[in-house]
């Protein structure tokens, strides 16, 4: 699941009593028992077009590391 702010999500899930699974990633289980990994939008290569972001009313950027990975693949300026 992609979120704006991973730490805010972590706090809110903790407040709701959701257990973070052990390991190096931020994984939880949904009510059906499925494993869900939480990732922060600006830290991953996945991207939305400017038009889609505008349509959603979002202004999201990417970290320099994610931008570098996208540039290496010719997917960012």
C-alpha atoms as a PDB file:
ATOM      1  CA  UNK A   1       0.000   0.000   0.000  1.00  0.00           C
ATOM      2  CA  UNK A   2       1.424   3.362  -1.000  1.00  0.00           C
ATOM      3  CA  UNK A   3       1.002   6.224   1.496  1.00  0.00           C
ATOM      4  CA  UNK A   4       2.035   9.877   1.721  1.00  0.00           C
ATOM      5  CA  UNK A   5       3.730   9.552   5.103  1.00  0.00           C
ATOM      6  CA  UNK A   6       4.845   6.169   6.375  1.00  0.00           C
ATOM      7  CA  UNK A   7       5.474   7.336   9.954  1.00  0.00           C
ATOM      8  CA  UNK A   8       2.027   8.921  10.295  1.00  0.00           C
ATOM      9  CA  UNK A   9       0.557   5.670   8.975  1.00  0.00           C
ATOM     10  CA  UNK A  10       2.659   3.667  11.452  1.00  0.00           C
ATOM     11  CA  UNK A  11       1.377   5.793  14.377  1.00  0.00           C
ATOM     12  CA  UNK A  12      -2.253   5.584  13.278  1.00  0.00           C
ATOM     13  CA  UNK A  13      -2.085   1.831  12.805  1.00  0.00           C
ATOM     14  CA  UNK A  14      -0.468   1.449  16.250  1.00  0.00           C
ATOM     15  CA  UNK A  15      -3.246   3.584  17.764  1.00  0.00           C
ATOM     16  CA  UNK A  16      -5.763   1.248  16.105  1.00  0.00           C
ATOM     17  CA  UNK A  17      -4.003  -1.774  17.615  1.00  0.00           C
ATOM     18  CA  UNK A  18      -2.570  -3.076  14.337  1.00  0.00           C
ATOM     19  CA  UNK A  19       0.611  -5.088  14.843  1.00  0.00           C
ATOM     20  CA  UNK A  20       3.601  -4.441  12.568  1.00  0.00           C
ATOM     21  CA  UNK A  21       5.066  -7.768  11.489  1.00  0.00           C
ATOM     22  CA  UNK A  22       8.698  -8.550  12.336  1.00  0.00           C
ATOM     23  CA  UNK A  23      11.291  -7.933   9.650  1.00  0.00           C
ATOM     24  CA  UNK A  24      13.033  -5.078   7.903  1.00  0.00           C
ATOM     25  CA  UNK A  25       9.931  -3.879   6.045  1.00  0.00           C
ATOM     26  CA  UNK A  26       6.760  -2.163   7.281  1.00  0.00           C
ATOM     27  CA  UNK A  27       4.315  -5.051   6.871  1.00  0.00           C
ATOM     28  CA  UNK A  28       0.956  -5.614   8.552  1.00  0.00           C
ATOM     29  CA  UNK A  29      -1.929  -8.028   8.103  1.00  0.00           C
ATOM     30  CA  UNK A  30      -5.304  -6.870   6.829  1.00  0.00           C
ATOM     31  CA  UNK A  31      -8.523  -8.109   8.484  1.00  0.00           C
ATOM     32  CA  UNK A  32      -8.533 -11.144   6.151  1.00  0.00           C
ATOM     33  CA  UNK A  33      -4.992 -12.100   7.165  1.00  0.00           C
ATOM     34  CA  UNK A  34      -3.292 -10.939   3.956  1.00  0.00           C
ATOM     35  CA  UNK A  35       0.189  -9.498   4.358  1.00  0.00           C
ATOM     36  CA  UNK A  36       0.327  -5.838   3.279  1.00  0.00           C
ATOM     37  CA  UNK A  37       3.537  -3.866   2.843  1.00  0.00           C
ATOM     38  CA  UNK A  38       3.316  -0.131   3.529  1.00  0.00           C
ATOM     39  CA  UNK A  39       5.609   2.051   1.386  1.00  0.00           C
ATOM     40  CA  UNK A  40       5.971   5.803   1.130  1.00  0.00           C
ATOM     41  CA  UNK A  41       5.219   7.301  -2.290  1.00  0.00           C
ATOM     42  CA  UNK A  42       8.310   9.498  -2.485  1.00  0.00           C
ATOM     43  CA  UNK A  43      10.625   6.554  -1.736  1.00  0.00           C
ATOM     44  CA  UNK A  44       9.600   4.227  -4.577  1.00  0.00           C
ATOM     45  CA  UNK A  45       9.912   4.224  -8.358  1.00  0.00           C
ATOM     46  CA  UNK A  46       6.150   3.971  -8.872  1.00  0.00           C
ATOM     47  CA  UNK A  47       4.851   7.314 -10.116  1.00  0.00           C
ATOM     48  CA  UNK A  48       1.645   8.950 -11.255  1.00  0.00           C
ATOM     49  CA  UNK A  49       1.527  11.363 -14.172  1.00  0.00           C
ATOM     50  CA  UNK A  50       1.158  15.067 -13.411  1.00  0.00           C
ATOM     51  CA  UNK A  51      -2.340  14.949 -14.883  1.00  0.00           C
ATOM     52  CA  UNK A  52      -3.417  12.112 -12.585  1.00  0.00           C
ATOM     53  CA  UNK A  53      -1.922  13.833  -9.533  1.00  0.00           C
ATOM     54  CA  UNK A  54      -3.721  17.062 -10.433  1.00  0.00           C
ATOM     55  CA  UNK A  55      -6.979  15.180 -10.921  1.00  0.00           C
ATOM     56  CA  UNK A  56      -6.582  13.671  -7.463  1.00  0.00           C
ATOM     57  CA  UNK A  57      -5.730  17.066  -5.964  1.00  0.00           C
ATOM     58  CA  UNK A  58      -2.308  15.819  -4.869  1.00  0.00           C
ATOM     59  CA  UNK A  59       1.118  17.414  -4.916  1.00  0.00           C
ATOM     60  CA  UNK A  60       3.579  14.605  -4.290  1.00  0.00           C
ATOM     61  CA  UNK A  61       7.287  14.595  -4.957  1.00  0.00           C
ATOM     62  CA  UNK A  62       9.964  11.907  -5.080  1.00  0.00           C
ATOM     63  CA  UNK A  63      13.127  11.457  -3.038  1.00  0.00           C
ATOM     64  CA  UNK A  64      16.412  11.969  -4.868  1.00  0.00           C
ATOM     65  CA  UNK A  65      17.100   8.225  -4.651  1.00  0.00           C
ATOM     66  CA  UNK A  66      13.762   7.347  -6.282  1.00  0.00           C
ATOM     67  CA  UNK A  67      14.281  10.037  -8.931  1.00  0.00           C
ATOM     68  CA  UNK A  68      17.756   8.654  -9.660  1.00  0.00           C
ATOM     69  CA  UNK A  69      16.336   5.168 -10.145  1.00  0.00           C
ATOM     70  CA  UNK A  70      13.640   6.534 -12.454  1.00  0.00           C
ATOM     71  CA  UNK A  71      16.209   8.576 -14.427  1.00  0.00           C
ATOM     72  CA  UNK A  72      18.391   5.492 -14.925  1.00  0.00           C
ATOM     73  CA  UNK A  73      15.434   3.855 -16.642  1.00  0.00           C
ATOM     74  CA  UNK A  74      14.589   6.949 -18.688  1.00  0.00           C
ATOM     75  CA  UNK A  75      11.368   7.493 -16.746  1.00  0.00           C
ATOM     76  CA  UNK A  76      12.149  10.918 -15.241  1.00  0.00           C
ATOM     77  CA  UNK A  77      13.871  14.129 -16.277  1.00  0.00           C
END
